[in-house]
Amino acid sequence: MDCSVVIPVYNGEATLVPLTERLGSTLPELADSYEVILVNDGSRDTSWDTILQLSQRFPWVRGINLMRNYGQHNATLCGIRAARYEIIVTMDDDLQHLPEEIPPLLTKLQEGYDLVYGIPKKQPHNWWRSGFSILIRYVLSYIIRAKTIRDIGSFRAFHSRLRIAFEHFNGPEVQVDVLLFWGTKRVAAVTIEESPRKIGTSNYGFFQLVHYALVVLTGFSTVPLRFASIMGFCFTIIGIMGFFYVVGIYFVAGSVPGFPFLASIILVFSGAQLFALGIIGEYLARIFERTSGQMPYTIVQITSKTPIEELNKV
């Protein structure tokens, strides 16, 4: 078995060395040939200098430096496309994903699956982050038609042939899990140990998670548009009922309540219209991004001999 480990790096100078050393102890027992691809996603610290030192120290370490911060999924996609071996493992750079937990993923993968997720026994985040993450995963699993796989994360192993399904994908908003599910439905999950974060803080705050949810919903699904259509139908029914109510009150009482009734109707229907327009606006934004020629990432420096033009090629 040959294995490529892809790690997006953002401000990870404090964890890169111990993470790479632990990978160096784990991978020789799992693969005949292996590599670790560290993709520097516009870090503001000395992560790239650390990657350069690691690539000189370990011949199986490859470094890719992106022009700016594109996002975790964009950097992961870059590493996936640069991987050279049959099996690809993706993991975070913060040592929450333990290199020693890679074997269970590969063992499950050999049972005939194309994609295997490593799911922690206990969520290491606080309650609101864990709750929001669970909600996004449920939405994502519904969108990609994988209702039996509720636990989706960034610690995963899969066959490199899945890249064929999204080799022509080009757009600034990337969702790696959706792209992988374009190529397979043979997916499984295994329970693993996950270490709590000891260094630094998470880069995903509340607004980042909201943005991520919007990208998932409007960038890879038509569910919000269908919801807007259903909502419009429901409010049409409410409008008809309101009309019959006004007519009934007119014939029974001889008059209709004035401003309060009219104001409430206007507020309800205006809110529904603005909500639907907002959904349409999100889709227009995704269309603009896909057609504007923006790349999911741009590489400015690498440590391997592969030409940068080949790695930037989509």
Protein backbone atom coordinates (compact mmCIF):
# COMPACT_ATOMS: atom_id res chain seq x y z
CA MET A 1 0.00 0.00 0.00
CA ASP A 2 1.20 3.51 -0.88
CA CYS A 3 -0.14 6.46 1.10
CA SER A 4 -0.20 10.26 0.84
CA VAL A 5 -1.08 12.32 3.92
CA VAL A 6 -2.47 15.78 3.12
CA ILE A 7 -2.42 18.43 5.86
CA PRO A 8 -3.65 22.01 5.36
CA VAL A 9 -1.60 24.33 7.52
CA TYR A 10 -2.67 27.66 8.99
CA ASN A 11 -0.57 29.18 11.76
CA GLY A 12 0.69 25.75 12.75
CA GLU A 13 4.34 26.46 13.51
CA ALA A 14 4.04 25.08 17.05
CA THR A 15 2.58 21.70 16.04
CA LEU A 16 4.16 20.90 12.67
CA VAL A 17 7.39 19.41 14.01
CA PRO A 18 5.86 16.98 16.55
CA LEU A 19 3.09 16.09 14.09
CA THR A 20 5.59 15.25 11.33
CA GLU A 21 7.80 13.27 13.70
CA ARG A 22 4.84 11.17 14.83
CA LEU A 23 3.83 10.59 11.22
CA GLY A 24 7.39 9.49 10.55
CA SER A 25 7.00 6.84 13.23
CA THR A 26 3.56 5.67 12.08
CA LEU A 27 3.65 5.65 8.27
CA PRO A 28 6.57 3.19 7.73
CA GLU A 29 4.52 0.48 9.43
CA LEU A 30 1.50 1.14 7.18
CA ALA A 31 2.82 1.81 3.68
CA ASP A 32 5.59 0.73 1.37
CA SER A 33 5.85 4.25 -0.02
CA TYR A 34 4.45 7.36 1.62
CA GLU A 35 4.57 11.14 1.61
CA VAL A 36 3.30 14.00 3.75
CA ILE A 37 2.04 17.05 1.88
CA LEU A 38 1.94 20.22 3.99
CA VAL A 39 -0.09 22.96 2.30
CA ASN A 40 0.59 26.37 3.83
CA ASP A 41 -2.70 28.27 3.58
CA GLY A 42 -1.43 31.84 3.94
CA SER A 43 -0.20 31.44 7.51
CA ARG A 44 0.73 34.63 9.36
CA ASP A 45 3.43 32.94 11.43
CA THR A 46 6.58 31.08 10.38
CA SER A 47 4.76 27.93 9.26
CA TRP A 48 6.28 28.02 5.77
CA ASP A 49 9.82 28.31 7.14
CA THR A 50 9.08 25.31 9.36
CA ILE A 51 7.77 23.37 6.35
CA LEU A 52 10.94 24.16 4.42
CA GLN A 53 13.06 22.86 7.30
CA LEU A 54 10.96 19.71 7.58
CA SER A 55 11.23 19.03 3.84
CA GLN A 56 15.01 19.19 4.13
CA ARG A 57 15.02 16.99 7.20
CA PHE A 58 12.59 14.36 5.86
CA PRO A 59 12.71 13.43 2.16
CA TRP A 60 9.09 12.25 2.27
CA VAL A 61 7.78 15.70 3.27
CA ARG A 62 6.54 17.95 0.46
CA GLY A 63 5.60 21.59 1.01
CA ILE A 64 3.19 23.75 -0.98
CA ASN A 65 2.87 27.47 -0.28
CA LEU A 66 -0.35 29.18 -1.36
CA MET A 67 -0.51 32.83 -2.38
CA ARG A 68 -2.91 33.77 0.42
CA ASN A 69 -5.38 32.26 2.86
CA TYR A 70 -8.01 30.45 0.76
CA GLY A 71 -9.61 28.31 3.44
CA GLN A 72 -9.15 24.82 4.85
CA HIS A 73 -11.11 23.02 2.13
CA ASN A 74 -9.34 24.87 -0.67
CA ALA A 75 -5.93 24.01 0.76
CA THR A 76 -7.02 20.40 1.25
CA LEU A 77 -8.16 20.22 -2.38
CA CYS A 78 -4.75 21.52 -3.46
CA GLY A 79 -3.00 18.78 -1.50
CA ILE A 80 -5.36 16.09 -2.78
CA ARG A 81 -4.61 17.04 -6.37
CA ALA A 82 -0.87 17.02 -5.67
CA ALA A 83 -0.90 13.59 -3.97
CA ARG A 84 1.02 10.88 -5.84
CA TYR A 85 -0.08 7.65 -4.15
CA GLU A 86 -3.04 5.30 -4.19
CA ILE A 87 -4.45 6.08 -0.74
CA ILE A 88 -4.95 9.66 0.49
CA VAL A 89 -5.41 10.60 4.15
CA THR A 90 -6.41 14.12 5.18
CA MET A 91 -6.04 15.47 8.69
CA ASP A 92 -5.68 18.74 10.61
CA ASP A 93 -2.40 20.32 11.69
CA ASP A 94 -3.30 20.96 15.34
CA LEU A 95 -2.55 17.45 16.70
CA GLN A 96 -6.20 16.83 17.49
CA HIS A 97 -6.13 14.19 14.78
CA LEU A 98 -3.63 11.63 16.01
CA PRO A 99 -1.29 9.98 13.47
CA GLU A 100 -1.61 6.78 15.52
CA GLU A 101 -5.31 6.65 14.58
CA ILE A 102 -4.64 6.35 10.82
CA PRO A 103 -4.47 2.48 10.86
CA PRO A 104 -8.20 2.02 11.73
CA LEU A 105 -9.14 4.18 8.75
CA LEU A 106 -6.96 2.19 6.36
CA THR A 107 -8.20 -1.13 7.76
CA LYS A 108 -11.81 -0.09 7.16
CA LEU A 109 -10.92 1.17 3.70
CA GLN A 110 -9.61 -2.27 2.76
CA GLU A 111 -13.04 -3.77 3.46
CA GLY A 112 -14.25 -2.44 0.12
CA TYR A 113 -15.10 1.17 0.92
CA ASP A 114 -13.92 4.14 -1.12
CA LEU A 115 -14.09 6.73 1.67
CA VAL A 116 -13.74 6.33 5.44
CA TYR A 117 -14.17 9.03 8.10
CA GLY A 118 -12.55 9.04 11.52
CA ILE A 119 -15.10 10.18 14.10
CA PRO A 120 -14.03 11.10 17.65
CA LYS A 121 -15.65 9.30 20.56
CA LYS A 122 -16.21 12.65 22.25
CA GLN A 123 -16.49 16.02 20.58
CA PRO A 124 -13.59 18.22 21.82
CA HIS A 125 -15.39 21.53 21.21
CA ASN A 126 -17.68 23.56 23.45
CA TRP A 127 -21.44 22.96 23.40
CA TRP A 128 -22.44 25.60 20.84
CA ARG A 129 -19.65 24.67 18.42
CA SER A 130 -20.46 20.97 18.72
CA GLY A 131 -24.17 21.64 18.23
CA PHE A 132 -23.59 23.82 15.18
CA SER A 133 -21.19 21.26 13.71
CA ILE A 134 -23.73 18.47 14.19
CA LEU A 135 -26.39 20.57 12.46
CA ILE A 136 -24.10 21.24 9.48
CA ARG A 137 -23.23 17.56 9.23
CA TYR A 138 -26.89 16.57 9.17
CA VAL A 139 -27.56 19.11 6.43
CA LEU A 140 -24.50 18.00 4.50
CA SER A 141 -25.41 14.32 4.78
CA TYR A 142 -28.88 15.12 3.43
CA ILE A 143 -27.51 17.17 0.54
CA ILE A 144 -25.07 14.48 -0.59
CA ARG A 145 -27.71 11.77 -0.20
CA ALA A 146 -25.79 9.90 2.46
CA LYS A 147 -28.35 9.76 5.24
CA THR A 148 -26.60 6.89 7.03
CA ILE A 149 -23.35 8.86 7.41
CA ARG A 150 -24.10 11.64 9.87
CA ASP A 151 -20.56 12.02 11.13
CA ILE A 152 -18.44 13.83 8.56
CA GLY A 153 -15.13 15.46 9.37
CA SER A 154 -11.72 16.42 8.06
CA PHE A 155 -9.99 13.20 9.24
CA ARG A 156 -10.61 10.87 6.31
CA ALA A 157 -9.00 8.24 4.09
CA PHE A 158 -10.01 7.51 0.50
CA HIS A 159 -8.80 6.14 -2.81
CA SER A 160 -7.11 8.66 -5.07
CA ARG A 161 -9.27 7.55 -8.01
CA LEU A 162 -12.10 9.60 -6.54
CA ARG A 163 -10.31 12.68 -7.90
CA ILE A 164 -11.63 11.82 -11.36
CA ALA A 165 -15.10 12.93 -10.25
CA PHE A 166 -13.98 16.52 -9.60
CA GLU A 167 -10.86 16.92 -11.73
CA HIS A 168 -12.50 19.78 -13.67
CA PHE A 169 -14.03 21.51 -10.65
CA ASN A 170 -13.06 25.17 -10.53
CA GLY A 171 -14.48 27.71 -8.11
CA PRO A 172 -13.43 29.71 -5.06
CA GLU A 173 -15.88 28.02 -2.68
CA VAL A 174 -14.80 24.43 -2.02
CA GLN A 175 -16.44 21.67 0.00
CA VAL A 176 -14.22 18.60 -0.11
CA ASP A 177 -16.82 16.18 1.27
CA VAL A 178 -19.34 17.05 -1.44
CA LEU A 179 -16.66 16.61 -4.12
CA LEU A 180 -15.73 13.19 -2.76
CA PHE A 181 -19.36 12.10 -2.70
CA TRP A 182 -19.60 12.98 -6.38
CA GLY A 183 -17.39 9.95 -6.95
CA THR A 184 -18.73 7.35 -4.52
CA LYS A 185 -21.46 6.29 -2.13
CA ARG A 186 -19.42 3.50 -0.55
CA VAL A 187 -18.67 5.40 2.63
CA ALA A 188 -18.02 4.27 6.19
CA ALA A 189 -16.97 5.74 9.52
CA VAL A 190 -14.83 4.44 12.38
CA THR A 191 -14.57 5.68 15.94
CA ILE A 192 -11.21 7.08 16.92
CA GLU A 193 -9.52 8.88 19.77
CA GLU A 194 -9.13 12.62 19.30
CA SER A 195 -6.91 14.79 21.43
CA PRO A 196 -8.19 18.12 22.79
CA ARG A 197 -6.50 21.20 21.39
CA LYS A 198 -3.50 22.12 23.52
CA ILE A 199 -1.95 24.85 21.37
CA GLY A 200 -3.75 27.82 19.83
CA THR A 201 -7.47 28.26 19.22
CA SER A 202 -9.87 27.12 16.53
CA ASN A 203 -10.04 29.24 13.37
CA TYR A 204 -13.76 28.52 13.04
CA GLY A 205 -15.81 31.08 14.92
CA PHE A 206 -19.57 31.58 14.78
CA PHE A 207 -19.59 33.69 11.61
CA GLN A 208 -17.15 31.34 9.86
CA LEU A 209 -19.47 28.42 10.61
CA VAL A 210 -22.47 30.38 9.31
CA HIS A 211 -20.58 31.19 6.11
CA TYR A 212 -19.60 27.55 5.77
CA ALA A 213 -23.24 26.48 6.17
CA LEU A 214 -24.34 28.95 3.47
CA VAL A 215 -21.66 27.65 1.10
CA VAL A 216 -22.79 24.07 1.67
CA LEU A 217 -26.47 24.93 1.18
CA THR A 218 -26.28 27.29 -1.78
CA GLY A 219 -23.08 26.14 -3.48
CA PHE A 220 -23.85 22.45 -3.81
CA SER A 221 -27.62 22.07 -3.36
CA THR A 222 -31.00 23.40 -4.53
CA VAL A 223 -32.69 22.69 -1.18
CA PRO A 224 -33.00 26.40 -0.19
CA LEU A 225 -34.67 27.22 -3.52
CA ARG A 226 -37.18 24.45 -2.99
CA PHE A 227 -37.76 25.71 0.54
CA ALA A 228 -38.42 29.21 -0.84
CA SER A 229 -40.93 27.76 -3.31
CA ILE A 230 -42.72 25.85 -0.55
CA MET A 231 -42.71 28.94 1.66
CA GLY A 232 -44.17 31.00 -1.18
CA PHE A 233 -46.95 28.46 -1.66
CA CYS A 234 -47.72 28.43 2.07
CA PHE A 235 -47.93 32.22 2.21
CA THR A 236 -50.19 32.20 -0.84
CA ILE A 237 -52.57 29.95 1.10
CA ILE A 238 -52.32 32.31 4.09
CA GLY A 239 -53.11 35.23 1.80
CA ILE A 240 -56.21 33.49 0.45
CA MET A 241 -57.33 32.69 3.99
CA GLY A 242 -56.75 36.32 4.95
CA PHE A 243 -58.88 37.44 2.00
CA PHE A 244 -61.79 35.22 3.07
CA TYR A 245 -61.35 36.46 6.65
CA VAL A 246 -61.65 40.09 5.50
CA VAL A 247 -64.73 39.32 3.40
CA GLY A 248 -66.32 37.40 6.27
CA ILE A 249 -65.66 40.18 8.78
CA TYR A 250 -67.08 42.74 6.33
CA PHE A 251 -70.38 40.89 5.95
CA VAL A 252 -70.67 39.98 9.65
CA ALA A 253 -69.45 43.14 11.38
CA GLY A 254 -69.85 45.64 8.58
CA SER A 255 -66.25 46.82 8.87
CA VAL A 256 -62.67 45.54 8.81
CA PRO A 257 -59.94 46.39 11.35
CA GLY A 258 -57.78 48.98 9.74
CA PHE A 259 -54.12 49.78 10.25
CA PRO A 260 -53.05 46.97 12.64
CA PHE A 261 -54.42 44.26 10.35
CA LEU A 262 -52.99 45.84 7.20
CA ALA A 263 -49.58 46.46 8.81
CA SER A 264 -49.29 42.88 10.06
CA ILE A 265 -50.12 41.48 6.62
CA ILE A 266 -47.57 43.75 4.94
CA LEU A 267 -44.86 42.84 7.43
CA VAL A 268 -45.44 39.11 7.07
CA PHE A 269 -45.47 39.07 3.29
CA SER A 270 -42.61 41.58 2.94
CA GLY A 271 -40.47 39.47 5.24
CA ALA A 272 -41.23 36.34 3.22
CA GLN A 273 -40.39 38.10 -0.05
CA LEU A 274 -37.11 39.48 1.28
CA PHE A 275 -36.17 36.06 2.65
CA ALA A 276 -36.82 34.44 -0.75
CA LEU A 277 -34.87 37.20 -2.50
CA GLY A 278 -31.97 36.61 -0.10
CA ILE A 279 -31.88 32.93 -1.06
CA ILE A 280 -31.92 33.82 -4.75
CA GLY A 281 -29.16 36.37 -4.09
CA GLU A 282 -26.96 33.69 -2.51
CA TYR A 283 -27.34 31.53 -5.61
CA LEU A 284 -26.54 34.46 -7.87
CA ALA A 285 -23.41 35.07 -5.81
CA ARG A 286 -22.33 31.44 -6.28
CA ILE A 287 -22.95 31.71 -10.04
CA PHE A 288 -20.88 34.89 -10.16
CA GLU A 289 -18.03 33.25 -8.26
CA ARG A 290 -18.04 30.17 -10.50
CA THR A 291 -18.07 32.21 -13.73
CA SER A 292 -15.70 35.01 -12.70
CA GLY A 293 -12.62 32.88 -13.29
CA GLN A 294 -11.51 32.85 -9.64
CA MET A 295 -9.30 29.87 -8.81
CA PRO A 296 -9.81 27.72 -5.71
CA TYR A 297 -6.13 28.32 -4.88
CA THR A 298 -2.88 29.62 -6.39
CA ILE A 299 0.50 28.10 -5.61
CA VAL A 300 3.54 30.37 -5.37
CA GLN A 301 6.22 28.03 -4.02
CA ILE A 302 6.80 24.32 -3.66
CA THR A 303 9.53 22.09 -2.27
CA SER A 304 9.19 19.30 -4.85
CA LYS A 305 10.46 19.19 -8.42
CA THR A 306 6.94 19.22 -9.87
CA PRO A 307 6.38 22.43 -11.89
CA ILE A 308 4.08 24.91 -10.17
CA GLU A 309 2.10 25.24 -13.42
CA GLU A 310 1.16 21.57 -13.22
CA LEU A 311 -0.04 21.86 -9.62
CA ASN A 312 -2.06 25.01 -10.40
CA LYS A 313 -3.65 23.32 -13.39
CA VAL A 314 -7.33 22.51 -12.83
